[in-house]
C-alpha cells in the first residue's frame, strides 16, 4: 500500500525555515508501506527556505510580508493530488498546522501562533478527492483505520 507523506516528516529539509521535522515513527512504517514523499510548497514553485505563510480568513495564502502565494499553494496541491492518483494513495500523513498540509487545525492568518479549526490547501483538496488525511500525531489512528478497512474488505464490506 502506498501512503503520501509530507517530505519534511521524513527529514527532507523543505520546510519554510529550511529544516525537516523527521519522525522516527514514520520511518518504521516503511517496513509495512510504501511512503511517497511530497512537499506541496516546493511542487508549487516556492523556494526553501521561504517566508512563513498562513491562510487568511478569505482562504487566500499570504506570506508574512504580505505577498499573496495562493496560486503556488493551489498548484502544489494539484501536483500532490496527481501523485496520489498515480500511486493509488488512499491515505496521507501530513504536517500538522501547515497552510498546505494542515489537517483539522491551522494557524489563523495573524502570524501570532493562534490556531483555528481548518485544513491546509493540499489537505483539503486530497480529502475532497477521497484521500484520507491524517496529521503526524495520528499515525496510530491511521494504522487502525487501515486494519479496519482490510478487515471489512476481507469480509465483503468494501469501503473506498
Protein backbone atom coordinates (compact mmCIF):
# COMPACT_ATOMS: atom_id res chain seq x y z
CA UNK A 1 0.00 0.00 0.00
CA UNK A 2 1.22 3.50 -0.89
CA UNK A 3 0.81 6.40 1.54
CA UNK A 4 1.56 10.06 0.79
CA UNK A 5 3.77 11.68 3.44
CA UNK A 6 4.91 15.25 3.93
CA UNK A 7 8.57 15.07 2.90
CA UNK A 8 9.63 17.21 5.87
CA UNK A 9 8.37 14.48 8.23
CA UNK A 10 10.91 12.13 6.66
CA UNK A 11 13.71 14.62 7.35
CA UNK A 12 13.79 16.33 3.95
CA UNK A 13 14.79 19.95 4.53
CA UNK A 14 11.91 21.57 2.64
CA UNK A 15 10.06 23.46 5.39
CA UNK A 16 9.71 27.24 5.24
CA UNK A 17 12.72 27.61 7.56
CA UNK A 18 14.89 25.23 5.53
CA UNK A 19 14.62 22.35 8.02
CA UNK A 20 12.94 18.97 8.18
CA UNK A 21 10.91 17.51 11.07
CA UNK A 22 11.95 13.87 10.91
CA UNK A 23 9.65 11.49 12.77
CA UNK A 24 11.21 8.18 13.72
CA UNK A 25 7.76 6.55 13.89
CA UNK A 26 7.18 7.30 10.23
CA UNK A 27 10.36 5.59 9.13
CA UNK A 28 9.16 2.48 10.97
CA UNK A 29 6.08 2.48 8.68
CA UNK A 30 8.42 1.94 5.73
CA UNK A 31 8.66 -1.72 6.78
CA UNK A 32 4.96 -2.18 6.03
CA UNK A 33 4.03 0.51 3.49
CA UNK A 34 5.48 2.45 0.57
CA UNK A 35 5.77 6.09 1.64
CA UNK A 36 5.57 8.65 -1.16
CA UNK A 37 7.22 11.93 -0.01
CA UNK A 38 5.60 15.17 -1.16
CA UNK A 39 6.03 18.88 -0.48
CA UNK A 40 3.20 20.97 -1.92
CA UNK A 41 5.05 24.25 -1.38
CA UNK A 42 8.07 23.07 -3.36
CA UNK A 43 5.83 21.48 -6.02
CA UNK A 44 4.09 24.85 -6.30
CA UNK A 45 7.38 26.59 -7.09
CA UNK A 46 8.24 28.17 -3.73
CA UNK A 47 11.88 28.25 -2.61
CA UNK A 48 13.40 26.70 0.50
CA UNK A 49 13.83 28.48 2.81
CA UNK A 50 10.93 30.89 2.35
CA UNK A 51 9.00 33.39 4.40
CA UNK A 52 6.29 31.80 6.61
CA UNK A 53 2.79 31.75 5.13
CA UNK A 54 -0.65 31.41 6.65
CA UNK A 55 -4.18 31.05 5.29
CA UNK A 56 -6.16 34.23 5.73
CA UNK A 57 -9.87 34.31 6.67
CA UNK A 58 -10.72 34.74 2.95
CA UNK A 59 -8.81 31.45 2.20
CA UNK A 60 -6.01 33.31 0.39
CA UNK A 61 -2.50 32.26 1.41
CA UNK A 62 -0.27 35.13 2.38
CA UNK A 63 3.39 35.32 3.35
CA UNK A 64 4.30 37.22 6.49
CA UNK A 65 5.48 40.14 4.33
CA UNK A 66 2.01 40.38 2.70
CA UNK A 67 2.81 38.65 -0.60
CA UNK A 68 -0.09 36.53 -1.88
CA UNK A 69 1.10 32.99 -2.70
CA UNK A 70 -2.29 31.33 -3.10
CA UNK A 71 -1.54 30.39 -6.71
CA UNK A 72 1.63 28.50 -5.70
CA UNK A 73 -0.18 26.66 -2.90
CA UNK A 74 -3.02 25.65 -5.21
CA UNK A 75 -0.58 24.45 -7.90
CA UNK A 76 1.34 22.43 -5.31
CA UNK A 77 -1.90 20.86 -4.05
CA UNK A 78 -2.85 19.83 -7.59
CA UNK A 79 0.59 18.25 -8.10
CA UNK A 80 0.25 16.28 -4.87
CA UNK A 81 -3.20 15.08 -5.98
CA UNK A 82 -1.65 13.92 -9.29
CA UNK A 83 0.85 11.83 -7.33
CA UNK A 84 -1.88 10.44 -5.09
CA UNK A 85 -3.74 9.26 -8.17
CA UNK A 86 -0.62 8.00 -9.95
CA UNK A 87 0.41 5.89 -6.96
CA UNK A 88 -3.14 4.99 -5.89
CA UNK A 89 -2.68 6.54 -2.44
CA UNK A 90 -5.82 6.29 -0.33
CA UNK A 91 -4.11 7.74 2.74
CA UNK A 92 -1.81 10.65 3.56
CA UNK A 93 0.19 11.62 6.64
CA UNK A 94 0.74 15.37 6.51
CA UNK A 95 2.44 18.06 8.59
CA UNK A 96 0.01 19.43 11.12
CA UNK A 97 -0.92 23.13 11.12
CA UNK A 98 0.82 23.80 7.78
CA UNK A 99 -1.02 26.09 5.33
CA UNK A 100 -0.61 23.29 2.76
CA UNK A 101 -0.75 20.11 4.77
CA UNK A 102 -2.56 21.07 7.98
CA UNK A 103 -5.43 18.77 8.88
CA UNK A 104 -8.24 19.83 11.23
CA UNK A 105 -6.15 22.72 12.66
CA UNK A 106 -4.21 25.55 11.03
CA UNK A 107 -2.83 28.93 12.08
CA UNK A 108 -5.38 31.75 11.92
CA UNK A 109 -3.57 34.04 9.46
CA UNK A 110 -2.37 36.60 12.02
CA UNK A 111 1.17 35.16 12.38
CA UNK A 112 0.72 35.18 16.16
CA UNK A 113 0.71 31.40 16.67
CA UNK A 114 -3.04 31.31 17.26
CA UNK A 115 -4.68 28.15 15.89
CA UNK A 116 -8.15 27.60 14.48
CA UNK A 117 -10.07 24.62 13.08
CA UNK A 118 -9.40 24.13 9.39
CA UNK A 119 -7.43 22.36 6.69
CA UNK A 120 -4.49 23.40 4.55
CA UNK A 121 -4.86 23.82 0.80
CA UNK A 122 -3.40 20.41 -0.18
CA UNK A 123 -5.07 18.57 2.69
CA UNK A 124 -8.46 19.93 1.68
CA UNK A 125 -8.00 19.03 -1.99
CA UNK A 126 -6.88 15.50 -1.14
CA UNK A 127 -9.87 14.92 1.14
CA UNK A 128 -12.30 16.27 -1.49
CA UNK A 129 -10.85 13.66 -3.83
CA UNK A 130 -11.18 10.69 -1.48
CA UNK A 131 -7.75 10.57 0.16
CA UNK A 132 -8.00 10.11 3.92
CA UNK A 133 -5.67 12.62 5.58
CA UNK A 134 -4.01 12.20 8.98
CA UNK A 135 -1.67 14.52 10.86
CA UNK A 136 1.69 13.27 12.09
CA UNK A 137 0.32 12.80 15.61
CA UNK A 138 -2.34 10.42 14.24
CA UNK A 139 -0.13 7.58 12.97
CA UNK A 140 -1.71 5.02 15.30
CA UNK A 141 -5.19 6.11 14.19
CA UNK A 142 -4.12 5.68 10.56
CA UNK A 143 -2.82 2.17 11.24
CA UNK A 144 -6.11 1.27 12.96
CA UNK A 145 -8.09 2.63 10.01
CA UNK A 146 -6.05 0.58 7.54
CA UNK A 147 -6.57 -2.59 9.61
CA UNK A 148 -10.30 -1.86 9.89
CA UNK A 149 -10.66 -1.42 6.15
CA UNK A 150 -8.62 -4.56 5.45
CA UNK A 151 -10.97 -6.50 7.74
CA UNK A 152 -14.03 -5.05 6.00
CA UNK A 153 -12.58 -5.88 2.60
CA UNK A 154 -11.79 -9.44 3.66
CA UNK A 155 -15.36 -9.88 4.90
CA UNK A 156 -17.02 -8.41 1.83
CA UNK A 157 -17.79 -4.95 3.19
CA UNK A 158 -15.57 -2.91 0.88
CA UNK A 159 -15.25 0.80 1.64
CA UNK A 160 -13.34 3.21 -0.51
